[in-house]
C-alpha atoms as a PDB file:
ATOM      1  CA  MET A   1      33.276 -23.242 -62.709  1.00  0.00           C
ATOM      2  CA  ASN A   2      35.881 -23.792 -59.967  1.00  0.00           C
ATOM      3  CA  GLN A   3      35.022 -26.532 -57.522  1.00  0.00           C
ATOM      4  CA  LYS A   4      37.037 -28.664 -55.187  1.00  0.00           C
ATOM      5  CA  LEU A   5      36.859 -31.304 -52.343  1.00  0.00           C
ATOM      6  CA  ALA A   6      37.276 -29.519 -49.300  1.00  0.00           C
ATOM      7  CA  HIS A   7      36.519 -32.034 -46.109  1.00  0.00           C
ATOM      8  CA  ILE A   8      35.552 -35.556 -46.044  1.00  0.00           C
ATOM      9  CA  SER A   9      33.655 -36.571 -42.508  1.00  0.00           C
ATOM     10  CA  VAL A  10      35.028 -39.483 -40.552  1.00  0.00           C
ATOM     11  CA  LEU A  11      33.062 -40.917 -37.843  1.00  0.00           C
ATOM     12  CA  VAL A  12      35.022 -41.411 -34.495  1.00  0.00           C
ATOM     13  CA  HIS A  13      34.154 -42.444 -31.085  1.00  0.00           C
ATOM     14  CA  ASP A  14      36.365 -39.623 -29.700  1.00  0.00           C
ATOM     15  CA  TYR A  15      38.016 -36.408 -30.891  1.00  0.00           C
ATOM     16  CA  ASP A  16      41.368 -36.759 -28.509  1.00  0.00           C
ATOM     17  CA  ASP A  17      42.103 -40.521 -29.451  1.00  0.00           C
ATOM     18  CA  ALA A  18      41.243 -39.557 -33.428  1.00  0.00           C
ATOM     19  CA  ILE A  19      43.774 -36.573 -32.919  1.00  0.00           C
ATOM     20  CA  GLU A  20      46.583 -38.706 -31.497  1.00  0.00           C
ATOM     21  CA  PHE A  21      46.222 -41.472 -34.025  1.00  0.00           C
ATOM     22  CA  TYR A  22      46.088 -39.237 -37.182  1.00  0.00           C
ATOM     23  CA  THR A  23      48.607 -36.780 -35.580  1.00  0.00           C
ATOM     24  CA  GLN A  24      51.349 -38.826 -33.877  1.00  0.00           C
ATOM     25  CA  LYS A  25      50.729 -42.199 -36.212  1.00  0.00           C
ATOM     26  CA  LEU A  26      49.909 -40.981 -39.681  1.00  0.00           C
ATOM     27  CA  ASN A  27      52.135 -37.602 -39.130  1.00  0.00           C
ATOM     28  CA  PHE A  28      49.082 -35.630 -40.276  1.00  0.00           C
ATOM     29  CA  ASP A  29      48.862 -31.906 -39.320  1.00  0.00           C
ATOM     30  CA  LEU A  30      45.991 -31.000 -36.880  1.00  0.00           C
ATOM     31  CA  VAL A  31      44.417 -28.288 -39.112  1.00  0.00           C
ATOM     32  CA  ALA A  32      41.533 -26.789 -36.514  1.00  0.00           C
ATOM     33  CA  ASP A  33      40.493 -28.169 -33.333  1.00  0.00           C
ATOM     34  CA  GLU A  34      37.579 -25.572 -32.431  1.00  0.00           C
ATOM     35  CA  ARG A  35      34.964 -26.054 -29.533  1.00  0.00           C
ATOM     36  CA  LEU A  36      31.173 -25.735 -30.986  1.00  0.00           C
ATOM     37  CA  SER A  37      29.320 -26.768 -27.896  1.00  0.00           C
ATOM     38  CA  GLU A  38      29.670 -28.737 -24.646  1.00  0.00           C
ATOM     39  CA  THR A  39      29.711 -32.078 -27.005  1.00  0.00           C
ATOM     40  CA  LYS A  40      30.825 -30.879 -30.459  1.00  0.00           C
ATOM     41  CA  ARG A  41      34.111 -29.850 -31.732  1.00  0.00           C
ATOM     42  CA  TRP A  42      35.323 -28.764 -35.411  1.00  0.00           C
ATOM     43  CA  VAL A  43      38.483 -30.868 -35.898  1.00  0.00           C
ATOM     44  CA  LEU A  44      40.252 -31.017 -39.153  1.00  0.00           C
ATOM     45  CA  VAL A  45      43.287 -33.048 -39.943  1.00  0.00           C
ATOM     46  CA  LYS A  46      45.526 -33.231 -43.023  1.00  0.00           C
ATOM     47  CA  PRO A  47      48.219 -35.091 -44.395  1.00  0.00           C
ATOM     48  CA  LYS A  48      51.486 -32.929 -44.980  1.00  0.00           C
ATOM     49  CA  GLY A  49      52.286 -31.868 -48.329  1.00  0.00           C
ATOM     50  CA  GLU A  50      50.422 -29.749 -51.009  1.00  0.00           C
ATOM     51  CA  GLY A  51      46.992 -30.979 -50.908  1.00  0.00           C
ATOM     52  CA  GLU A  52      43.853 -28.885 -49.543  1.00  0.00           C
ATOM     53  CA  CYS A  53      41.388 -31.676 -48.824  1.00  0.00           C
ATOM     54  CA  SER A  54      41.355 -32.403 -45.215  1.00  0.00           C
ATOM     55  CA  ILE A  55      39.260 -34.976 -43.042  1.00  0.00           C
ATOM     56  CA  LEU A  56      36.608 -33.420 -40.496  1.00  0.00           C
ATOM     57  CA  LEU A  57      36.547 -35.813 -37.342  1.00  0.00           C
ATOM     58  CA  ALA A  58      33.144 -36.052 -36.425  1.00  0.00           C
ATOM     59  CA  LYS A  59      32.148 -37.603 -33.090  1.00  0.00           C
ATOM     60  CA  ALA A  60      29.165 -39.912 -33.726  1.00  0.00           C
ATOM     61  CA  ASP A  61      25.917 -38.556 -32.233  1.00  0.00           C
ATOM     62  CA  GLY A  62      23.717 -41.515 -31.272  1.00  0.00           C
ATOM     63  CA  GLN A  63      23.249 -45.043 -31.585  1.00  0.00           C
ATOM     64  CA  ASN A  64      22.812 -45.006 -35.092  1.00  0.00           C
ATOM     65  CA  GLN A  65      25.979 -43.270 -36.062  1.00  0.00           C
ATOM     66  CA  LYS A  66      27.994 -45.149 -33.424  1.00  0.00           C
ATOM     67  CA  THR A  67      27.189 -48.375 -35.637  1.00  0.00           C
ATOM     68  CA  PHE A  68      29.165 -46.590 -38.618  1.00  0.00           C
ATOM     69  CA  VAL A  69      32.097 -45.881 -36.997  1.00  0.00           C
ATOM     70  CA  GLY A  70      35.146 -47.879 -38.736  1.00  0.00           C
ATOM     71  CA  ASN A  71      32.925 -48.984 -41.601  1.00  0.00           C
ATOM     72  CA  GLN A  72      31.462 -45.812 -43.311  1.00  0.00           C
ATOM     73  CA  THR A  73      32.139 -48.099 -46.677  1.00  0.00           C
ATOM     74  CA  GLY A  74      30.501 -51.193 -45.852  1.00  0.00           C
ATOM     75  CA  GLY A  75      34.050 -52.884 -45.879  1.00  0.00           C
ATOM     76  CA  ARG A  76      35.724 -51.181 -48.657  1.00  0.00           C
ATOM     77  CA  VAL A  77      38.550 -49.154 -48.841  1.00  0.00           C
ATOM     78  CA  PHE A  78      37.480 -45.961 -48.085  1.00  0.00           C
ATOM     79  CA  LEU A  79      40.395 -43.523 -48.374  1.00  0.00           C
ATOM     80  CA  PHE A  80      43.332 -43.654 -50.581  1.00  0.00           C
ATOM     81  CA  LEU A  81      46.499 -41.893 -49.165  1.00  0.00           C
ATOM     82  CA  THR A  82      49.285 -40.921 -51.649  1.00  0.00           C
ATOM     83  CA  SER A  83      53.092 -40.917 -50.816  1.00  0.00           C
ATOM     84  CA  ASP A  84      56.161 -39.747 -52.581  1.00  0.00           C
ATOM     85  CA  ASN A  85      58.178 -42.580 -50.466  1.00  0.00           C
ATOM     86  CA  PHE A  86      56.016 -45.703 -50.052  1.00  0.00           C
ATOM     87  CA  ASP A  87      58.905 -47.503 -48.220  1.00  0.00           C
ATOM     88  CA  ARG A  88      59.327 -44.160 -45.764  1.00  0.00           C
ATOM     89  CA  ASP A  89      55.241 -44.618 -45.040  1.00  0.00           C
ATOM     90  CA  PHE A  90      55.131 -48.220 -44.947  1.00  0.00           C
ATOM     91  CA  MET A  91      57.905 -48.508 -42.486  1.00  0.00           C
ATOM     92  CA  ASN A  92      55.951 -45.684 -40.372  1.00  0.00           C
ATOM     93  CA  LEU A  93      52.811 -47.708 -40.237  1.00  0.00           C
ATOM     94  CA  LYS A  94      54.610 -50.646 -39.212  1.00  0.00           C
ATOM     95  CA  ARG A  95      56.731 -48.640 -36.153  1.00  0.00           C
ATOM     96  CA  HIS A  96      53.393 -47.784 -35.074  1.00  0.00           C
ATOM     97  CA  ASN A  97      51.921 -50.933 -35.332  1.00  0.00           C
ATOM     98  CA  ILE A  98      48.601 -49.817 -37.649  1.00  0.00           C
ATOM     99  CA  LYS A  99      46.687 -53.234 -38.678  1.00  0.00           C
ATOM    100  CA  ILE A 100      48.265 -53.652 -42.087  1.00  0.00           C
ATOM    101  CA  VAL A 101      44.869 -55.871 -43.894  1.00  0.00           C
ATOM    102  CA  ARG A 102      46.962 -56.193 -47.492  1.00  0.00           C
ATOM    103  CA  GLU A 103      50.930 -56.323 -47.711  1.00  0.00           C
ATOM    104  CA  PRO A 104      52.878 -54.081 -50.274  1.00  0.00           C
ATOM    105  CA  SER A 105      52.241 -54.995 -53.790  1.00  0.00           C
ATOM    106  CA  ASP A 106      53.018 -53.486 -57.155  1.00  0.00           C
ATOM    107  CA  GLU A 107      50.033 -52.751 -59.426  1.00  0.00           C
ATOM    108  CA  SER A 108      50.030 -51.122 -62.733  1.00  0.00           C
ATOM    109  CA  TYR A 109      48.849 -47.798 -61.382  1.00  0.00           C
ATOM    110  CA  GLY A 110      52.010 -48.015 -58.333  1.00  0.00           C
ATOM    111  CA  ARG A 111      52.640 -49.569 -55.366  1.00  0.00           C
ATOM    112  CA  VAL A 112      49.972 -50.258 -52.722  1.00  0.00           C
ATOM    113  CA  ALA A 113      48.989 -51.608 -49.416  1.00  0.00           C
ATOM    114  CA  VAL A 114      45.888 -51.601 -47.359  1.00  0.00           C
ATOM    115  CA  PHE A 115      45.674 -50.591 -43.483  1.00  0.00           C
ATOM    116  CA  GLU A 116      43.233 -49.695 -40.962  1.00  0.00           C
ATOM    117  CA  ASP A 117      42.573 -46.646 -38.841  1.00  0.00           C
ATOM    118  CA  LEU A 118      42.353 -46.617 -35.261  1.00  0.00           C
ATOM    119  CA  TYR A 119      38.353 -47.374 -35.814  1.00  0.00           C
ATOM    120  CA  GLY A 120      38.793 -50.143 -38.764  1.00  0.00           C
ATOM    121  CA  ASN A 121      38.184 -47.872 -41.803  1.00  0.00           C
ATOM    122  CA  LYS A 122      40.528 -49.308 -44.601  1.00  0.00           C
ATOM    123  CA  TRP A 123      43.144 -46.962 -46.581  1.00  0.00           C
ATOM    124  CA  ASP A 124      45.146 -47.896 -49.865  1.00  0.00           C
ATOM    125  CA  LEU A 125      48.845 -46.314 -49.457  1.00  0.00           C
ATOM    126  CA  ILE A 126      49.825 -45.601 -52.830  1.00  0.00           C
ATOM    127  CA  GLU A 127      52.985 -44.591 -54.328  1.00  0.00           C
ATOM    128  CA  PRO A 128      51.785 -44.128 -57.957  1.00  0.00           C
ATOM    129  CA  LYS A 129      53.941 -44.611 -61.106  1.00  0.00           C
END
């Protein structure tokens, strides 16, 4: 058996604002931006590097979905971004005024900090040991 995780959906209010945040502030690559209808697009972004998993930026449709934008996990850390250079990537977060929820700390598994994306989803930035 050969399985892999291909995409993770993140609810957003606006495609273009989300693209700008992920590509300009987190330095992700824009993998796809295809119009599916008048209101829907297929938008994929992914961190630079070898990983294949990407984030599908899914515009919230309807009031129910809109209530979950920025809180898809009930306030817990949602996504984990590993880094080969924690200091470089943490300084990038600070330079772009990205909200830091928990300052860097050294843990048994590596150096970690928690930040929020433009909608409030929590992320771990981790440089594994």
